[in-house]
Amino acid sequence: MKRYLFLLLFPFCVAAQDAPFENEIRAFEKADSATPPPRNPILFTGSSSIRFWSSLATDFPGKPVLNRGFGGSQLSDVMRYADRIIIPYHPKQIVIYAGENDIAAGQTGQQTFDRFVALFEYIRQKLPKVPVAFIAIKPSPSRRKYFAENDTANRLIKDYLAKQKKARFVDIRPVMLQPNGQPVPDLFRQDSLHMLPAGYERWTKVVKPYLK
């Protein structure tokens, strides 16, 4: 626990008005004031792959899903805002997709794993009985040069979660790859980073069995 203490403290050292994505977080809070979110939701949070999952509610009918993905966030950003976009909702389950931007910004797979563990341990401290699912870092064609670090982070996170209670690693990579191991290009927008509805359709089939 102590070796992650610096990671736990870092996100809170930035003044709120100067913190990245502050406007998006305030928008969530404003939306909650106007329209109360579902009680004890299945909370999806993380980077733009969650933010752009606009079909979340229709993809999981009957599930009290709540989308709190924001910008090009990193795990450190999710950690920074955990007390505003995760903890207050008292979710019945938390689904996280983040880490891809951490690696693209220069973090190694090991460092990305460390950031995830800091976030996971913080959630466990605040919400000890809430199940957590981590969606594997996806193989985006525009970020091929990071695939090795992505694989390292995914492997470390998968092994870590296998030893935790009420924690699952959701591996969406197999449904996004061709037989030759390369990403299916038709799943992505022109930027070869963000997904088209076809990508989310595949994610839905993999994620659905993990939801409570």
Protein backbone atom coordinates (compact mmCIF):
# COMPACT_ATOMS: atom_id res chain seq x y z
CA MET A 1 0.00 0.00 0.00
CA LYS A 2 2.76 2.44 0.93
CA ARG A 3 4.46 2.18 -2.44
CA TYR A 4 1.36 3.61 -4.06
CA LEU A 5 0.93 6.45 -1.57
CA PHE A 6 2.54 9.02 -3.82
CA LEU A 7 0.10 8.06 -6.57
CA LEU A 8 -2.82 8.48 -4.20
CA LEU A 9 -1.72 11.92 -3.12
CA PHE A 10 -0.63 13.34 -6.47
CA PRO A 11 -4.07 13.93 -8.03
CA PHE A 12 -5.15 16.14 -5.16
CA CYS A 13 -2.13 18.42 -5.38
CA VAL A 14 -3.46 20.28 -8.42
CA ALA A 15 -5.69 23.25 -7.74
CA ALA A 16 -9.22 22.50 -8.86
CA GLN A 17 -9.48 25.47 -11.17
CA ASP A 18 -6.27 24.45 -12.95
CA ALA A 19 -6.99 20.73 -13.18
CA PRO A 20 -7.62 19.18 -16.60
CA PHE A 21 -11.21 18.21 -17.42
CA GLU A 22 -12.58 20.34 -14.59
CA ASN A 23 -15.25 21.76 -16.90
CA GLU A 24 -16.42 18.28 -17.86
CA ILE A 25 -16.65 17.22 -14.23
CA ARG A 26 -18.66 20.32 -13.40
CA ALA A 27 -20.96 19.51 -16.31
CA PHE A 28 -21.65 16.11 -14.74
CA GLU A 29 -22.47 17.77 -11.44
CA LYS A 30 -24.76 20.27 -13.15
CA ALA A 31 -26.52 17.45 -15.00
CA ASP A 32 -27.00 15.56 -11.74
CA SER A 33 -28.64 18.63 -10.20
CA ALA A 34 -31.02 18.97 -13.13
CA THR A 35 -31.81 15.27 -13.50
CA PRO A 36 -30.89 12.97 -10.62
CA PRO A 37 -28.91 9.92 -11.82
CA PRO A 38 -30.14 6.38 -11.09
CA ARG A 39 -29.62 5.14 -7.57
CA ASN A 40 -26.80 2.64 -7.12
CA PRO A 41 -25.91 2.62 -10.83
CA ILE A 42 -23.51 0.49 -12.78
CA LEU A 43 -21.01 3.29 -13.27
CA PHE A 44 -18.84 3.37 -16.38
CA THR A 45 -15.88 5.74 -16.17
CA GLY A 46 -12.58 6.40 -17.89
CA SER A 47 -11.45 7.95 -21.13
CA SER A 48 -13.11 8.78 -24.44
CA SER A 49 -13.88 5.15 -25.26
CA ILE A 50 -16.40 5.39 -22.41
CA ARG A 51 -17.36 8.99 -23.09
CA PHE A 52 -18.34 8.17 -26.67
CA TRP A 53 -20.30 5.08 -25.69
CA SER A 54 -23.54 6.96 -26.36
CA SER A 55 -25.56 3.77 -26.77
CA LEU A 56 -24.69 2.52 -23.28
CA ALA A 57 -28.28 2.58 -21.97
CA THR A 58 -29.75 0.84 -25.02
CA ASP A 59 -26.90 -1.67 -25.19
CA PHE A 60 -27.68 -2.83 -21.65
CA PRO A 61 -31.46 -2.55 -21.31
CA GLY A 62 -32.79 -3.00 -17.83
CA LYS A 63 -29.43 -2.11 -16.30
CA PRO A 64 -29.05 1.18 -14.35
CA VAL A 65 -25.98 2.29 -16.28
CA LEU A 66 -24.41 5.71 -15.82
CA ASN A 67 -21.74 7.10 -18.15
CA ARG A 68 -19.05 9.17 -16.49
CA GLY A 69 -16.31 8.93 -19.09
CA PHE A 70 -14.50 12.17 -19.86
CA GLY A 71 -12.17 13.59 -22.47
CA GLY A 72 -8.83 12.00 -23.16
CA SER A 73 -8.46 11.16 -19.51
CA GLN A 74 -5.74 9.05 -17.99
CA LEU A 75 -5.94 6.80 -14.95
CA SER A 76 -4.45 9.64 -12.93
CA ASP A 77 -7.38 11.84 -13.97
CA VAL A 78 -9.93 9.22 -12.95
CA MET A 79 -8.12 9.08 -9.63
CA ARG A 80 -8.15 12.87 -9.31
CA TYR A 81 -11.91 13.03 -9.69
CA ALA A 82 -12.89 9.77 -8.00
CA ASP A 83 -14.47 11.63 -5.10
CA ARG A 84 -16.72 13.49 -7.55
CA ILE A 85 -17.52 11.02 -10.34
CA ILE A 86 -17.38 7.63 -8.62
CA ILE A 87 -17.77 7.63 -4.85
CA PRO A 88 -20.83 9.94 -4.48
CA TYR A 89 -23.00 7.71 -6.68
CA HIS A 90 -22.65 4.68 -4.38
CA PRO A 91 -22.54 2.45 -7.46
CA LYS A 92 -23.48 -1.20 -7.38
CA GLN A 93 -20.62 -1.85 -9.80
CA ILE A 94 -17.79 0.15 -11.40
CA VAL A 95 -16.54 -0.44 -14.94
CA ILE A 96 -13.29 1.28 -15.90
CA TYR A 97 -11.65 1.87 -19.26
CA ALA A 98 -8.46 3.91 -18.98
CA GLY A 99 -4.73 3.49 -19.41
CA GLU A 100 -4.47 3.83 -23.17
CA ASN A 101 -3.90 7.57 -22.91
CA ASP A 102 -1.42 7.12 -20.06
CA ILE A 103 0.80 5.00 -22.27
CA ALA A 104 0.39 7.30 -25.28
CA ALA A 105 1.49 10.18 -23.02
CA GLY A 106 4.73 8.42 -22.10
CA GLN A 107 3.93 6.11 -19.19
CA THR A 108 5.28 2.57 -19.39
CA GLY A 109 3.07 -0.48 -18.99
CA GLN A 110 4.42 -0.89 -15.45
CA GLN A 111 3.71 2.73 -14.55
CA THR A 112 0.22 2.45 -15.99
CA PHE A 113 -0.35 -0.65 -13.88
CA ASP A 114 0.86 1.24 -10.80
CA ARG A 115 -1.64 3.99 -11.53
CA PHE A 116 -4.42 1.44 -11.87
CA VAL A 117 -3.53 -0.20 -8.57
CA ALA A 118 -3.59 3.20 -6.84
CA LEU A 119 -7.07 3.84 -8.23
CA PHE A 120 -8.30 0.35 -7.39
CA GLU A 121 -7.02 0.54 -3.82
CA TYR A 122 -8.62 3.94 -3.35
CA ILE A 123 -11.96 2.61 -4.57
CA ARG A 124 -11.59 -0.38 -2.25
CA GLN A 125 -10.90 1.97 0.65
CA LYS A 126 -14.01 4.04 -0.04
CA LEU A 127 -16.32 1.34 -1.45
CA PRO A 128 -14.94 -1.97 -0.14
CA LYS A 129 -17.81 -4.19 -1.29
CA VAL A 130 -18.39 -2.77 -4.77
CA PRO A 131 -17.36 -5.01 -7.70
CA VAL A 132 -14.88 -3.47 -10.13
CA ALA A 133 -14.36 -4.48 -13.76
CA PHE A 134 -11.50 -3.22 -15.91
CA ILE A 135 -11.89 -3.27 -19.69
CA ALA A 136 -8.59 -4.20 -21.35
CA ILE A 137 -6.66 -1.49 -23.15
CA LYS A 138 -7.80 -1.80 -26.74
CA PRO A 139 -5.59 -2.22 -29.84
CA SER A 140 -6.09 1.12 -31.61
CA PRO A 141 -4.53 1.11 -35.11
CA SER A 142 -3.17 4.65 -34.72
CA ARG A 143 -1.24 3.56 -31.64
CA ARG A 144 0.49 0.43 -32.88
CA LYS A 145 3.83 1.62 -31.53
CA TYR A 146 2.42 1.32 -28.01
CA PHE A 147 1.08 -2.22 -28.35
CA ALA A 148 3.93 -3.76 -26.37
CA GLU A 149 3.42 -1.41 -23.43
CA ASN A 150 -0.35 -1.92 -23.68
CA ASP A 151 0.19 -5.67 -23.47
CA THR A 152 2.41 -5.24 -20.41
CA ALA A 153 -0.19 -3.12 -18.64
CA ASN A 154 -3.00 -5.50 -19.56
CA ARG A 155 -1.06 -8.54 -18.35
CA LEU A 156 -0.13 -6.94 -15.05
CA ILE A 157 -3.66 -5.68 -14.41
CA LYS A 158 -5.21 -9.03 -15.35
CA ASP A 159 -2.89 -10.92 -12.99
CA TYR A 160 -3.50 -8.43 -10.21
CA LEU A 161 -7.29 -8.52 -10.50
CA ALA A 162 -7.27 -12.32 -10.54
CA LYS A 163 -6.07 -12.14 -6.94
CA GLN A 164 -8.68 -9.61 -5.80
CA LYS A 165 -12.22 -10.22 -4.60
CA LYS A 166 -15.11 -8.90 -6.69
CA ALA A 167 -12.78 -7.81 -9.46
CA ARG A 168 -12.74 -8.83 -13.11
CA PHE A 169 -10.58 -8.19 -16.16
CA VAL A 170 -12.77 -7.86 -19.26
CA ASP A 171 -10.71 -8.76 -22.31
CA ILE A 172 -12.28 -7.14 -25.37
CA ARG A 173 -9.13 -7.57 -27.49
CA PRO A 174 -9.99 -10.92 -29.12
CA VAL A 175 -13.15 -9.52 -30.76
CA MET A 176 -11.22 -6.52 -32.11
CA LEU A 177 -8.45 -8.43 -33.86
CA GLN A 178 -8.20 -10.13 -37.22
CA PRO A 179 -6.75 -13.66 -37.56
CA ASN A 180 -3.37 -12.06 -38.32
CA GLY A 181 -3.43 -10.29 -34.95
CA GLN A 182 -4.01 -6.82 -36.39
CA PRO A 183 -6.94 -4.59 -35.38
CA VAL A 184 -10.13 -4.77 -37.45
CA PRO A 185 -10.06 -1.37 -39.20
CA ASP A 186 -13.84 -1.24 -39.73
CA LEU A 187 -14.36 -0.89 -35.98
CA PHE A 188 -12.69 2.52 -35.87
CA ARG A 189 -13.38 6.06 -36.98
CA GLN A 190 -11.14 7.80 -39.49
CA ASP A 191 -8.74 8.72 -36.70
CA SER A 192 -8.07 4.97 -36.16
CA LEU A 193 -8.42 5.62 -32.43
CA HIS A 194 -12.03 6.12 -31.47
CA MET A 195 -14.59 3.45 -32.21
CA LEU A 196 -17.57 3.30 -34.52
CA PRO A 197 -20.88 1.72 -33.40
CA ALA A 198 -19.57 -1.58 -34.79
CA GLY A 199 -16.81 -1.50 -32.18
CA TYR A 200 -19.24 -0.87 -29.36
CA GLU A 201 -21.45 -3.70 -30.60
CA ARG A 202 -18.55 -6.08 -30.09
CA TRP A 203 -17.73 -4.58 -26.72
CA THR A 204 -21.34 -4.98 -25.62
CA LYS A 205 -21.33 -8.72 -26.26
CA VAL A 206 -18.15 -9.16 -24.22
CA VAL A 207 -19.00 -6.78 -21.36
CA LYS A 208 -22.64 -7.81 -20.85
CA PRO A 209 -21.96 -11.09 -18.97
CA TYR A 210 -19.84 -9.20 -16.44
CA LEU A 211 -22.53 -6.73 -15.41
CA LYS A 212 -24.42 -7.17 -12.16
